[in-house]
Amino acid sequence: ESLDGTFINMALHHIKEPWKAIKEMYRVIKEEGIVVISDVMEHDGEWAREEMFDEWLGFSNDQISQWLGEAGFKDIKIENTDLSCKGYSSKGEYTETGIFIATAVKRL
């Protein structure tokens, strides 16, 4: 409980058990500390699992909100940034998805 906040950018979808990372973020920040998560929204680019080493094909707002709440965070806000992430597989398959930003506060 020594940090004022934590930030993870475009990495959560590479983690096998992202809810554990969120719980760890909660553990290490001080009361009233803030967590910020930015990542991709759900998509169907299955090729990204092998070629981009994605463990998850993005996340729904409900999933992120659930994990933040289960970790103990309050004042959860999730917004679409109106930005997108685009990519092509080695076989020319195209995927485009939005990017979200989530914030929450550690309140005891």
PDB file of N, CA and C in Angstrom:
ATOM      1  N   GLU A   1       0.827  -1.180   0.000  1.00  0.00           N
ATOM      2  CA  GLU A   1       0.000   0.000   0.000  1.00  0.00           C
ATOM      3  C   GLU A   1       0.873   1.246   0.000  1.00  0.00           C
ATOM      4  N   SER A   2       1.704   1.369  -1.024  1.00  0.00           N
ATOM      5  CA  SER A   2       2.646   2.480  -1.036  1.00  0.00           C
ATOM      6  C   SER A   2       2.516   3.392  -2.245  1.00  0.00           C
ATOM      7  N   LEU A   3       1.700   3.035  -3.224  1.00  0.00           N
ATOM      8  CA  LEU A   3       1.604   3.825  -4.449  1.00  0.00           C
ATOM      9  C   LEU A   3       0.344   4.682  -4.448  1.00  0.00           C
ATOM     10  N   ASP A   4       0.452   5.857  -5.052  1.00  0.00           N
ATOM     11  CA  ASP A   4      -0.716   6.728  -5.195  1.00  0.00           C
ATOM     12  C   ASP A   4      -1.658   6.220  -6.280  1.00  0.00           C
ATOM     13  N   GLY A   5      -1.121   5.447  -7.202  1.00  0.00           N
ATOM     14  CA  GLY A   5      -1.946   4.916  -8.276  1.00  0.00           C
ATOM     15  C   GLY A   5      -1.163   3.956  -9.144  1.00  0.00           C
ATOM     16  N   THR A   6      -1.881   3.286 -10.022  1.00  0.00           N
ATOM     17  CA  THR A   6      -1.255   2.384 -10.986  1.00  0.00           C
ATOM     18  C   THR A   6      -1.875   2.628 -12.354  1.00  0.00           C
ATOM     19  N   PHE A   7      -1.102   2.313 -13.385  1.00  0.00           N
ATOM     20  CA  PHE A   7      -1.546   2.513 -14.765  1.00  0.00           C
ATOM     21  C   PHE A   7      -1.061   1.338 -15.594  1.00  0.00           C
ATOM     22  N   ILE A   8      -1.950   0.746 -16.354  1.00  0.00           N
ATOM     23  CA  ILE A   8      -1.572  -0.330 -17.267  1.00  0.00           C
ATOM     24  C   ILE A   8      -2.178  -0.006 -18.628  1.00  0.00           C
ATOM     25  N   ASN A   9      -1.325   0.026 -19.634  1.00  0.00           N
ATOM     26  CA  ASN A   9      -1.730   0.458 -20.967  1.00  0.00           C
ATOM     27  C   ASN A   9      -1.514  -0.652 -21.986  1.00  0.00           C
ATOM     28  N   MET A  10      -2.605  -1.113 -22.579  1.00  0.00           N
ATOM     29  CA  MET A  10      -2.574  -2.071 -23.682  1.00  0.00           C
ATOM     30  C   MET A  10      -1.780  -3.339 -23.349  1.00  0.00           C
ATOM     31  N   ALA A  11      -1.858  -3.769 -22.111  1.00  0.00           N
ATOM     32  CA  ALA A  11      -1.122  -4.963 -21.695  1.00  0.00           C
ATOM     33  C   ALA A  11      -2.011  -6.019 -21.048  1.00  0.00           C
ATOM     34  N   LEU A  12      -3.145  -5.615 -20.511  1.00  0.00           N
ATOM     35  CA  LEU A  12      -3.990  -6.554 -19.773  1.00  0.00           C
ATOM     36  C   LEU A  12      -4.406  -7.739 -20.636  1.00  0.00           C
ATOM     37  N   HIS A  13      -4.619  -7.524 -21.915  1.00  0.00           N
ATOM     38  CA  HIS A  13      -5.073  -8.618 -22.789  1.00  0.00           C
ATOM     39  C   HIS A  13      -3.966  -9.632 -23.085  1.00  0.00           C
ATOM     40  N   HIS A  14      -2.745  -9.348 -22.646  1.00  0.00           N
ATOM     41  CA  HIS A  14      -1.635 -10.293 -22.793  1.00  0.00           C
ATOM     42  C   HIS A  14      -1.435 -11.153 -21.538  1.00  0.00           C
ATOM     43  N   ILE A  15      -2.211 -10.915 -20.506  1.00  0.00           N
ATOM     44  CA  ILE A  15      -2.057 -11.599 -19.223  1.00  0.00           C
ATOM     45  C   ILE A  15      -3.094 -12.718 -19.109  1.00  0.00           C
ATOM     46  N   LYS A  16      -2.635 -13.920 -18.757  1.00  0.00           N
ATOM     47  CA  LYS A  16      -3.544 -15.076 -18.678  1.00  0.00           C
ATOM     48  C   LYS A  16      -4.668 -14.877 -17.676  1.00  0.00           C
ATOM     49  N   GLU A  17      -4.354 -14.308 -16.532  1.00  0.00           N
ATOM     50  CA  GLU A  17      -5.348 -14.112 -15.477  1.00  0.00           C
ATOM     51  C   GLU A  17      -5.391 -12.628 -15.107  1.00  0.00           C
ATOM     52  N   PRO A  18      -6.006 -11.811 -15.946  1.00  0.00           N
ATOM     53  CA  PRO A  18      -5.970 -10.361 -15.726  1.00  0.00           C
ATOM     54  C   PRO A  18      -6.621  -9.916 -14.422  1.00  0.00           C
ATOM     55  N   TRP A  19      -7.588 -10.668 -13.926  1.00  0.00           N
ATOM     56  CA  TRP A  19      -8.222 -10.316 -12.655  1.00  0.00           C
ATOM     57  C   TRP A  19      -7.207 -10.339 -11.522  1.00  0.00           C
ATOM     58  N   LYS A  20      -6.182 -11.197 -11.620  1.00  0.00           N
ATOM     59  CA  LYS A  20      -5.139 -11.230 -10.589  1.00  0.00           C
ATOM     60  C   LYS A  20      -4.288  -9.970 -10.648  1.00  0.00           C
ATOM     61  N   ALA A  21      -4.023  -9.480 -11.838  1.00  0.00           N
ATOM     62  CA  ALA A  21      -3.265  -8.230 -11.988  1.00  0.00           C
ATOM     63  C   ALA A  21      -4.050  -7.063 -11.385  1.00  0.00           C
ATOM     64  N   ILE A  22      -5.354  -7.051 -11.602  1.00  0.00           N
ATOM     65  CA  ILE A  22      -6.191  -5.986 -11.050  1.00  0.00           C
ATOM     66  C   ILE A  22      -6.217  -6.065  -9.525  1.00  0.00           C
ATOM     67  N   LYS A  23      -6.304  -7.264  -8.977  1.00  0.00           N
ATOM     68  CA  LYS A  23      -6.264  -7.423  -7.518  1.00  0.00           C
ATOM     69  C   LYS A  23      -4.924  -6.961  -6.951  1.00  0.00           C
ATOM     70  N   GLU A  24      -3.845  -7.226  -7.676  1.00  0.00           N
ATOM     71  CA  GLU A  24      -2.525  -6.782  -7.222  1.00  0.00           C
ATOM     72  C   GLU A  24      -2.428  -5.256  -7.268  1.00  0.00           C
ATOM     73  N   MET A  25      -3.007  -4.641  -8.282  1.00  0.00           N
ATOM     74  CA  MET A  25      -3.019  -3.176  -8.346  1.00  0.00           C
ATOM     75  C   MET A  25      -3.751  -2.606  -7.136  1.00  0.00           C
ATOM     76  N   TYR A  26      -4.851  -3.235  -6.768  1.00  0.00           N
ATOM     77  CA  TYR A  26      -5.591  -2.795  -5.581  1.00  0.00           C
ATOM     78  C   TYR A  26      -4.723  -2.937  -4.329  1.00  0.00           C
ATOM     79  N   ARG A  27      -4.028  -4.041  -4.229  1.00  0.00           N
ATOM     80  CA  ARG A  27      -3.214  -4.301  -3.037  1.00  0.00           C
ATOM     81  C   ARG A  27      -2.118  -3.265  -2.847  1.00  0.00           C
ATOM     82  N   VAL A  28      -1.481  -2.838  -3.927  1.00  0.00           N
ATOM     83  CA  VAL A  28      -0.285  -1.998  -3.791  1.00  0.00           C
ATOM     84  C   VAL A  28      -0.561  -0.502  -3.711  1.00  0.00           C
ATOM     85  N   ILE A  29      -1.792  -0.075  -3.978  1.00  0.00           N
ATOM     86  CA  ILE A  29      -2.037   1.365  -3.896  1.00  0.00           C
ATOM     87  C   ILE A  29      -2.637   1.751  -2.546  1.00  0.00           C
ATOM     88  N   LYS A  30      -2.393   3.014  -2.198  1.00  0.00           N
ATOM     89  CA  LYS A  30      -2.902   3.566  -0.945  1.00  0.00           C
ATOM     90  C   LYS A  30      -4.414   3.768  -1.024  1.00  0.00           C
ATOM     91  N   GLU A  31      -5.026   3.923   0.145  1.00  0.00           N
ATOM     92  CA  GLU A  31      -6.438   4.303   0.169  1.00  0.00           C
ATOM     93  C   GLU A  31      -6.596   5.625  -0.575  1.00  0.00           C
ATOM     94  N   GLU A  32      -7.642   5.730  -1.369  1.00  0.00           N
ATOM     95  CA  GLU A  32      -7.925   6.857  -2.266  1.00  0.00           C
ATOM     96  C   GLU A  32      -7.007   6.867  -3.489  1.00  0.00           C
ATOM     97  N   GLY A  33      -6.210   5.815  -3.644  1.00  0.00           N
ATOM     98  CA  GLY A  33      -5.384   5.682  -4.844  1.00  0.00           C
ATOM     99  C   GLY A  33      -6.239   5.349  -6.057  1.00  0.00           C
ATOM    100  N   ILE A  34      -5.705   5.649  -7.211  1.00  0.00           N
ATOM    101  CA  ILE A  34      -6.455   5.486  -8.460  1.00  0.00           C
ATOM    102  C   ILE A  34      -5.780   4.455  -9.354  1.00  0.00           C
ATOM    103  N   VAL A  35      -6.598   3.651 -10.013  1.00  0.00           N
ATOM    104  CA  VAL A  35      -6.117   2.733 -11.041  1.00  0.00           C
ATOM    105  C   VAL A  35      -6.644   3.242 -12.380  1.00  0.00           C
ATOM    106  N   VAL A  36      -5.787   3.167 -13.400  1.00  0.00           N
ATOM    107  CA  VAL A  36      -6.172   3.524 -14.765  1.00  0.00           C
ATOM    108  C   VAL A  36      -5.791   2.353 -15.662  1.00  0.00           C
ATOM    109  N   ILE A  37      -6.753   1.887 -16.432  1.00  0.00           N
ATOM    110  CA  ILE A  37      -6.528   0.779 -17.365  1.00  0.00           C
ATOM    111  C   ILE A  37      -6.972   1.229 -18.744  1.00  0.00           C
ATOM    112  N   SER A  38      -6.096   1.101 -19.724  1.00  0.00           N
ATOM    113  CA  SER A  38      -6.528   1.292 -21.113  1.00  0.00           C
ATOM    114  C   SER A  38      -6.179   0.020 -21.877  1.00  0.00           C
ATOM    115  N   ASP A  39      -7.127  -0.412 -22.701  1.00  0.00           N
ATOM    116  CA  ASP A  39      -6.929  -1.660 -23.438  1.00  0.00           C
ATOM    117  C   ASP A  39      -7.953  -1.740 -24.561  1.00  0.00           C
ATOM    118  N   VAL A  40      -7.926  -2.849 -25.273  1.00  0.00           N
ATOM    119  CA  VAL A  40      -8.815  -3.019 -26.420  1.00  0.00           C
ATOM    120  C   VAL A  40     -10.163  -3.600 -26.002  1.00  0.00           C
ATOM    121  N   MET A  41     -11.183  -3.202 -26.736  1.00  0.00           N
ATOM    122  CA  MET A  41     -12.516  -3.760 -26.552  1.00  0.00           C
ATOM    123  C   MET A  41     -12.576  -5.123 -27.236  1.00  0.00           C
ATOM    124  N   GLU A  42     -13.587  -5.879 -26.889  1.00  0.00           N
ATOM    125  CA  GLU A  42     -13.747  -7.213 -27.476  1.00  0.00           C
ATOM    126  C   GLU A  42     -13.719  -7.156 -29.001  1.00  0.00           C
ATOM    127  N   HIS A  43     -13.078  -8.173 -29.582  1.00  0.00           N
ATOM    128  CA  HIS A  43     -13.035  -8.290 -31.046  1.00  0.00           C
ATOM    129  C   HIS A  43     -12.979  -9.762 -31.420  1.00  0.00           C
ATOM    130  N   ASP A  44     -13.060 -10.046 -32.719  1.00  0.00           N
ATOM    131  CA  ASP A  44     -13.078 -11.443 -33.169  1.00  0.00           C
ATOM    132  C   ASP A  44     -11.820 -11.830 -33.947  1.00  0.00           C
ATOM    133  N   GLY A  45     -10.750 -11.093 -33.766  1.00  0.00           N
ATOM    134  CA  GLY A  45      -9.502 -11.387 -34.480  1.00  0.00           C
ATOM    135  C   GLY A  45      -8.747 -12.537 -33.834  1.00  0.00           C
ATOM    136  N   GLU A  46      -9.256 -13.727 -34.010  1.00  0.00           N
ATOM    137  CA  GLU A  46      -8.681 -14.925 -33.388  1.00  0.00           C
ATOM    138  C   GLU A  46      -7.198 -15.082 -33.711  1.00  0.00           C
ATOM    139  N   TRP A  47      -6.776 -14.638 -34.866  1.00  0.00           N
ATOM    140  CA  TRP A  47      -5.371 -14.728 -35.279  1.00  0.00           C
ATOM    141  C   TRP A  47      -4.436 -14.010 -34.307  1.00  0.00           C
ATOM    142  N   ALA A  48      -4.943 -13.035 -33.572  1.00  0.00           N
ATOM    143  CA  ALA A  48      -4.101 -12.263 -32.649  1.00  0.00           C
ATOM    144  C   ALA A  48      -3.584 -13.109 -31.486  1.00  0.00           C
ATOM    145  N   ARG A  49      -4.268 -14.204 -31.186  1.00  0.00           N
ATOM    146  CA  ARG A  49      -3.789 -15.069 -30.097  1.00  0.00           C
ATOM    147  C   ARG A  49      -2.389 -15.595 -30.401  1.00  0.00           C
ATOM    148  N   GLU A  50      -2.181 -16.064 -31.621  1.00  0.00           N
ATOM    149  CA  GLU A  50      -0.884 -16.632 -31.983  1.00  0.00           C
ATOM    150  C   GLU A  50       0.105 -15.562 -32.440  1.00  0.00           C
ATOM    151  N   GLU A  51      -0.345 -14.669 -33.281  1.00  0.00           N
ATOM    152  CA  GLU A  51       0.587 -13.721 -33.891  1.00  0.00           C
ATOM    153  C   GLU A  51       0.927 -12.525 -33.002  1.00  0.00           C
ATOM    154  N   MET A  52       0.016 -12.136 -32.128  1.00  0.00           N
ATOM    155  CA  MET A  52       0.244 -10.981 -31.252  1.00  0.00           C
ATOM    156  C   MET A  52       0.390 -11.399 -29.782  1.00  0.00           C
ATOM    157  N   PHE A  53       0.322 -12.712 -29.538  1.00  0.00           N
ATOM    158  CA  PHE A  53       0.435 -13.269 -28.190  1.00  0.00           C
ATOM    159  C   PHE A  53      -0.663 -12.759 -27.254  1.00  0.00           C
ATOM    160  N   ASP A  54      -1.855 -12.548 -27.812  1.00  0.00           N
ATOM    161  CA  ASP A  54      -3.001 -12.109 -27.018  1.00  0.00           C
ATOM    162  C   ASP A  54      -3.602 -13.302 -26.279  1.00  0.00           C
ATOM    163  N   GLU A  55      -3.745 -13.172 -24.982  1.00  0.00           N
ATOM    164  CA  GLU A  55      -4.445 -14.180 -24.185  1.00  0.00           C
ATOM    165  C   GLU A  55      -5.953 -13.947 -24.258  1.00  0.00           C
ATOM    166  N   TRP A  56      -6.355 -12.701 -24.415  1.00  0.00           N
ATOM    167  CA  TRP A  56      -7.759 -12.301 -24.469  1.00  0.00           C
ATOM    168  C   TRP A  56      -7.972 -11.479 -25.726  1.00  0.00           C
ATOM    169  N   LEU A  57      -9.117 -11.649 -26.356  1.00  0.00           N
ATOM    170  CA  LEU A  57      -9.472 -10.852 -27.530  1.00  0.00           C
ATOM    171  C   LEU A  57     -10.261  -9.633 -27.065  1.00  0.00           C
ATOM    172  N   GLY A  58      -9.588  -8.816 -26.288  1.00  0.00           N
ATOM    173  CA  GLY A  58     -10.205  -7.622 -25.732  1.00  0.00           C
ATOM    174  C   GLY A  58     -11.152  -7.942 -24.590  1.00  0.00           C
ATOM    175  N   PHE A  59     -11.821  -6.902 -24.107  1.00  0.00           N
ATOM    176  CA  PHE A  59     -12.692  -7.039 -22.939  1.00  0.00           C
ATOM    177  C   PHE A  59     -13.973  -6.245 -23.132  1.00  0.00           C
ATOM    178  N   SER A  60     -15.030  -6.722 -22.509  1.00  0.00           N
ATOM    179  CA  SER A  60     -16.274  -5.950 -22.457  1.00  0.00           C
ATOM    180  C   SER A  60     -16.198  -5.009 -21.252  1.00  0.00           C
ATOM    181  N   ASN A  61     -16.986  -3.959 -21.302  1.00  0.00           N
ATOM    182  CA  ASN A  61     -17.062  -3.051 -20.157  1.00  0.00           C
ATOM    183  C   ASN A  61     -17.536  -3.796 -18.915  1.00  0.00           C
ATOM    184  N   ASP A  62     -18.494  -4.702 -19.094  1.00  0.00           N
ATOM    185  CA  ASP A  62     -19.018  -5.464 -17.959  1.00  0.00           C
ATOM    186  C   ASP A  62     -17.936  -6.312 -17.302  1.00  0.00           C
ATOM    187  N   GLN A  63     -17.066  -6.924 -18.116  1.00  0.00           N
ATOM    188  CA  GLN A  63     -16.012  -7.774 -17.564  1.00  0.00           C
ATOM    189  C   GLN A  63     -15.020  -6.950 -16.749  1.00  0.00           C
ATOM    190  N   ILE A  64     -14.580  -5.824 -17.300  1.00  0.00           N
ATOM    191  CA  ILE A  64     -13.632  -4.964 -16.584  1.00  0.00           C
ATOM    192  C   ILE A  64     -14.268  -4.430 -15.304  1.00  0.00           C
ATOM    193  N   SER A  65     -15.507  -3.993 -15.393  1.00  0.00           N
ATOM    194  CA  SER A  65     -16.215  -3.478 -14.221  1.00  0.00           C
ATOM    195  C   SER A  65     -16.344  -4.550 -13.142  1.00  0.00           C
ATOM    196  N   GLN A  66     -16.649  -5.775 -13.551  1.00  0.00           N
ATOM    197  CA  GLN A  66     -16.776  -6.879 -12.594  1.00  0.00           C
ATOM    198  C   GLN A  66     -15.451  -7.123 -11.883  1.00  0.00           C
ATOM    199  N   TRP A  67     -14.364  -7.219 -12.643  1.00  0.00           N
ATOM    200  CA  TRP A  67     -13.062  -7.485 -12.028  1.00  0.00           C
ATOM    201  C   TRP A  67     -12.631  -6.358 -11.097  1.00  0.00           C
ATOM    202  N   LEU A  68     -12.860  -5.116 -11.497  1.00  0.00           N
ATOM    203  CA  LEU A  68     -12.511  -3.986 -10.630  1.00  0.00           C
ATOM    204  C   LEU A  68     -13.331  -4.034  -9.346  1.00  0.00           C
ATOM    205  N   GLY A  69     -14.617  -4.305  -9.466  1.00  0.00           N
ATOM    206  CA  GLY A  69     -15.478  -4.395  -8.290  1.00  0.00           C
ATOM    207  C   GLY A  69     -15.097  -5.536  -7.370  1.00  0.00           C
ATOM    208  N   GLU A  70     -14.797  -6.693  -7.952  1.00  0.00           N
ATOM    209  CA  GLU A  70     -14.396  -7.851  -7.143  1.00  0.00           C
ATOM    210  C   GLU A  70     -13.079  -7.601  -6.419  1.00  0.00           C
ATOM    211  N   ALA A  71     -12.203  -6.796  -7.004  1.00  0.00           N
ATOM    212  CA  ALA A  71     -10.933  -6.464  -6.354  1.00  0.00           C
ATOM    213  C   ALA A  71     -11.143  -5.500  -5.190  1.00  0.00           C
ATOM    214  N   GLY A  72     -12.267  -4.784  -5.188  1.00  0.00           N
ATOM    215  CA  GLY A  72     -12.565  -3.847  -4.111  1.00  0.00           C
ATOM    216  C   GLY A  72     -12.636  -2.393  -4.541  1.00  0.00           C
ATOM    217  N   PHE A  73     -12.382  -2.113  -5.808  1.00  0.00           N
ATOM    218  CA  PHE A  73     -12.407  -0.732  -6.286  1.00  0.00           C
ATOM    219  C   PHE A  73     -13.821  -0.164  -6.283  1.00  0.00           C
ATOM    220  N   LYS A  74     -13.898   1.153  -6.112  1.00  0.00           N
ATOM    221  CA  LYS A  74     -15.161   1.901  -6.132  1.00  0.00           C
ATOM    222  C   LYS A  74     -15.075   2.974  -7.223  1.00  0.00           C
ATOM    223  N   ASP A  75     -16.178   3.660  -7.431  1.00  0.00           N
ATOM    224  CA  ASP A  75     -16.238   4.761  -8.415  1.00  0.00           C
ATOM    225  C   ASP A  75     -15.683   4.329  -9.770  1.00  0.00           C
ATOM    226  N   ILE A  76     -16.126   3.186 -10.233  1.00  0.00           N
ATOM    227  CA  ILE A  76     -15.638   2.609 -11.491  1.00  0.00           C
ATOM    228  C   ILE A  76     -16.256   3.355 -12.670  1.00  0.00           C
ATOM    229  N   LYS A  77     -15.393   3.804 -13.562  1.00  0.00           N
ATOM    230  CA  LYS A  77     -15.843   4.483 -14.783  1.00  0.00           C
ATOM    231  C   LYS A  77     -15.117   3.869 -15.969  1.00  0.00           C
ATOM    232  N   ILE A  78     -15.857   3.545 -17.008  1.00  0.00           N
ATOM    233  CA  ILE A  78     -15.270   2.980 -18.225  1.00  0.00           C
ATOM    234  C   ILE A  78     -15.811   3.770 -19.405  1.00  0.00           C
ATOM    235  N   GLU A  79     -14.902   4.249 -20.237  1.00  0.00           N
ATOM    236  CA  GLU A  79     -15.303   5.067 -21.378  1.00  0.00           C
ATOM    237  C   GLU A  79     -14.639   4.576 -22.653  1.00  0.00           C
ATOM    238  N   ASN A  80     -15.367   4.707 -23.745  1.00  0.00           N
ATOM    239  CA  ASN A  80     -14.800   4.471 -25.068  1.00  0.00           C
ATOM    240  C   ASN A  80     -13.981   5.707 -25.420  1.00  0.00           C
ATOM    241  N   THR A  81     -12.746   5.524 -25.834  1.00  0.00           N
ATOM    242  CA  THR A  81     -11.884   6.663 -26.165  1.00  0.00           C
ATOM    243  C   THR A  81     -12.138   7.201 -27.566  1.00  0.00           C
ATOM    244  N   ASP A  82     -12.927   6.496 -28.347  1.00  0.00           N
ATOM    245  CA  ASP A  82     -13.142   6.810 -29.767  1.00  0.00           C
ATOM    246  C   ASP A  82     -11.873   6.619 -30.597  1.00  0.00           C
ATOM    247  N   LEU A  83     -10.884   5.942 -30.016  1.00  0.00           N
ATOM    248  CA  LEU A  83      -9.685   5.542 -30.752  1.00  0.00           C
ATOM    249  C   LEU A  83      -9.857   4.088 -31.158  1.00  0.00           C
ATOM    250  N   SER A  84      -9.073   3.650 -32.123  1.00  0.00           N
ATOM    251  CA  SER A  84      -9.178   2.252 -32.533  1.00  0.00           C
ATOM    252  C   SER A  84      -7.800   1.634 -32.677  1.00  0.00           C
ATOM    253  N   CYS A  85      -7.794   0.332 -32.589  1.00  0.00           N
ATOM    254  CA  CYS A  85      -6.594  -0.475 -32.763  1.00  0.00           C
ATOM    255  C   CYS A  85      -6.839  -1.341 -33.995  1.00  0.00           C
ATOM    256  N   LYS A  86      -5.933  -1.267 -34.957  1.00  0.00           N
ATOM    257  CA  LYS A  86      -6.111  -1.971 -36.228  1.00  0.00           C
ATOM    258  C   LYS A  86      -4.915  -2.871 -36.479  1.00  0.00           C
ATOM    259  N   GLY A  87      -5.172  -4.012 -37.093  1.00  0.00           N
ATOM    260  CA  GLY A  87      -4.067  -4.907 -37.395  1.00  0.00           C
ATOM    261  C   GLY A  87      -4.413  -5.922 -38.461  1.00  0.00           C
ATOM    262  N   TYR A  88      -3.368  -6.398 -39.117  1.00  0.00           N
ATOM    263  CA  TYR A  88      -3.489  -7.439 -40.133  1.00  0.00           C
ATOM    264  C   TYR A  88      -2.686  -8.652 -39.703  1.00  0.00           C
ATOM    265  N   SER A  89      -3.239  -9.820 -39.930  1.00  0.00           N
ATOM    266  CA  SER A  89      -2.502 -11.053 -39.673  1.00  0.00           C
ATOM    267  C   SER A  89      -1.523 -11.288 -40.815  1.00  0.00           C
ATOM    268  N   SER A  90      -0.672 -12.272 -40.650  1.00  0.00           N
ATOM    269  CA  SER A  90       0.281 -12.620 -41.710  1.00  0.00           C
ATOM    270  C   SER A  90      -0.432 -13.144 -42.954  1.00  0.00           C
ATOM    271  N   LYS A  91      -1.706 -13.534 -42.802  1.00  0.00           N
ATOM    272  CA  LYS A  91      -2.506 -14.024 -43.933  1.00  0.00           C
ATOM    273  C   LYS A  91      -3.432 -12.942 -44.480  1.00  0.00           C
ATOM    274  N   GLY A  92      -3.275 -11.724 -43.988  1.00  0.00           N
ATOM    275  CA  GLY A  92      -4.081 -10.621 -44.487  1.00  0.00           C
ATOM    276  C   GLY A  92      -5.420 -10.426 -43.803  1.00  0.00           C
ATOM    277  N   GLU A  93      -5.678 -11.157 -42.723  1.00  0.00           N
ATOM    278  CA  GLU A  93      -6.931 -10.981 -41.981  1.00  0.00           C
ATOM    279  C   GLU A  93      -6.872  -9.647 -41.234  1.00  0.00           C
ATOM    280  N   TYR A  94      -7.939  -8.874 -41.327  1.00  0.00           N
ATOM    281  CA  TYR A  94      -7.982  -7.537 -40.741  1.00  0.00           C
ATOM    282  C   TYR A  94      -8.856  -7.533 -39.497  1.00  0.00           C
ATOM    283  N   THR A  95      -8.375  -6.866 -38.469  1.00  0.00           N
ATOM    284  CA  THR A  95      -9.147  -6.693 -37.244  1.00  0.00           C
ATOM    285  C   THR A  95      -9.052  -5.237 -36.813  1.00  0.00           C
ATOM    286  N   GLU A  96     -10.179  -4.703 -36.421  1.00  0.00           N
ATOM    287  CA  GLU A  96     -10.223  -3.343 -35.875  1.00  0.00           C
ATOM    288  C   GLU A  96     -11.151  -3.346 -34.672  1.00  0.00           C
ATOM    289  N   THR A  97     -10.700  -2.751 -33.591  1.00  0.00           N
ATOM    290  CA  THR A  97     -11.518  -2.677 -32.384  1.00  0.00           C
ATOM    291  C   THR A  97     -11.261  -1.358 -31.680  1.00  0.00           C
ATOM    292  N   GLY A  98     -12.180  -0.995 -30.814  1.00  0.00           N
ATOM    293  CA  GLY A  98     -12.039   0.236 -30.056  1.00  0.00           C
ATOM    294  C   GLY A  98     -11.108   0.075 -28.868  1.00  0.00           C
ATOM    295  N   ILE A  99     -10.795   1.199 -28.274  1.00  0.00           N
ATOM    296  CA  ILE A  99      -9.942   1.244 -27.088  1.00  0.00           C
ATOM    297  C   ILE A  99     -10.733   1.922 -25.971  1.00  0.00           C
ATOM    298  N   PHE A 100     -10.722   1.312 -24.793  1.00  0.00           N
ATOM    299  CA  PHE A 100     -11.417   1.891 -23.642  1.00  0.00           C
ATOM    300  C   PHE A 100     -10.409   2.399 -22.624  1.00  0.00           C
ATOM    301  N   ILE A 101     -10.889   3.247 -21.744  1.00  0.00           N
ATOM    302  CA  ILE A 101     -10.109   3.652 -20.581  1.00  0.00           C
ATOM    303  C   ILE A 101     -11.004   3.482 -19.360  1.00  0.00           C
ATOM    304  N   ALA A 102     -10.476   2.814 -18.357  1.00  0.00           N
ATOM    305  CA  ALA A 102     -11.216   2.568 -17.118  1.00  0.00           C
ATOM    306  C   ALA A 102     -10.465   3.212 -15.963  1.00  0.00           C
ATOM    307  N   THR A 103     -11.210   3.813 -15.056  1.00  0.00           N
ATOM    308  CA  THR A 103     -10.622   4.366 -13.842  1.00  0.00           C
ATOM    309  C   THR A 103     -11.443   3.890 -12.651  1.00  0.00           C
ATOM    310  N   ALA A 104     -10.779   3.776 -11.522  1.00  0.00           N
ATOM    311  CA  ALA A 104     -11.457   3.377 -10.291  1.00  0.00           C
ATOM    312  C   ALA A 104     -10.616   3.832  -9.106  1.00  0.00           C
ATOM    313  N   VAL A 105     -11.244   3.875  -7.942  1.00  0.00           N
ATOM    314  CA  VAL A 105     -10.603   4.382  -6.735  1.00  0.00           C
ATOM    315  C   VAL A 105     -10.627   3.308  -5.650  1.00  0.00           C
ATOM    316  N   LYS A 106      -9.542   3.234  -4.895  1.00  0.00           N
ATOM    317  CA  LYS A 106      -9.490   2.325  -3.744  1.00  0.00           C
ATOM    318  C   LYS A 106     -10.081   3.053  -2.540  1.00  0.00           C
ATOM    319  N   ARG A 107     -11.235   2.596  -2.118  1.00  0.00           N
ATOM    320  CA  ARG A 107     -11.897   3.150  -0.931  1.00  0.00           C
ATOM    321  C   ARG A 107     -12.167   1.991   0.024  1.00  0.00           C
ATOM    322  N   LEU A 108     -11.785   2.173   1.264  1.00  0.00           N
ATOM    323  CA  LEU A 108     -11.997   1.117   2.260  1.00  0.00           C
ATOM    324  C   LEU A 108     -13.344   1.256   2.936  1.00  0.00           C
TER     325      LEU A 108
END
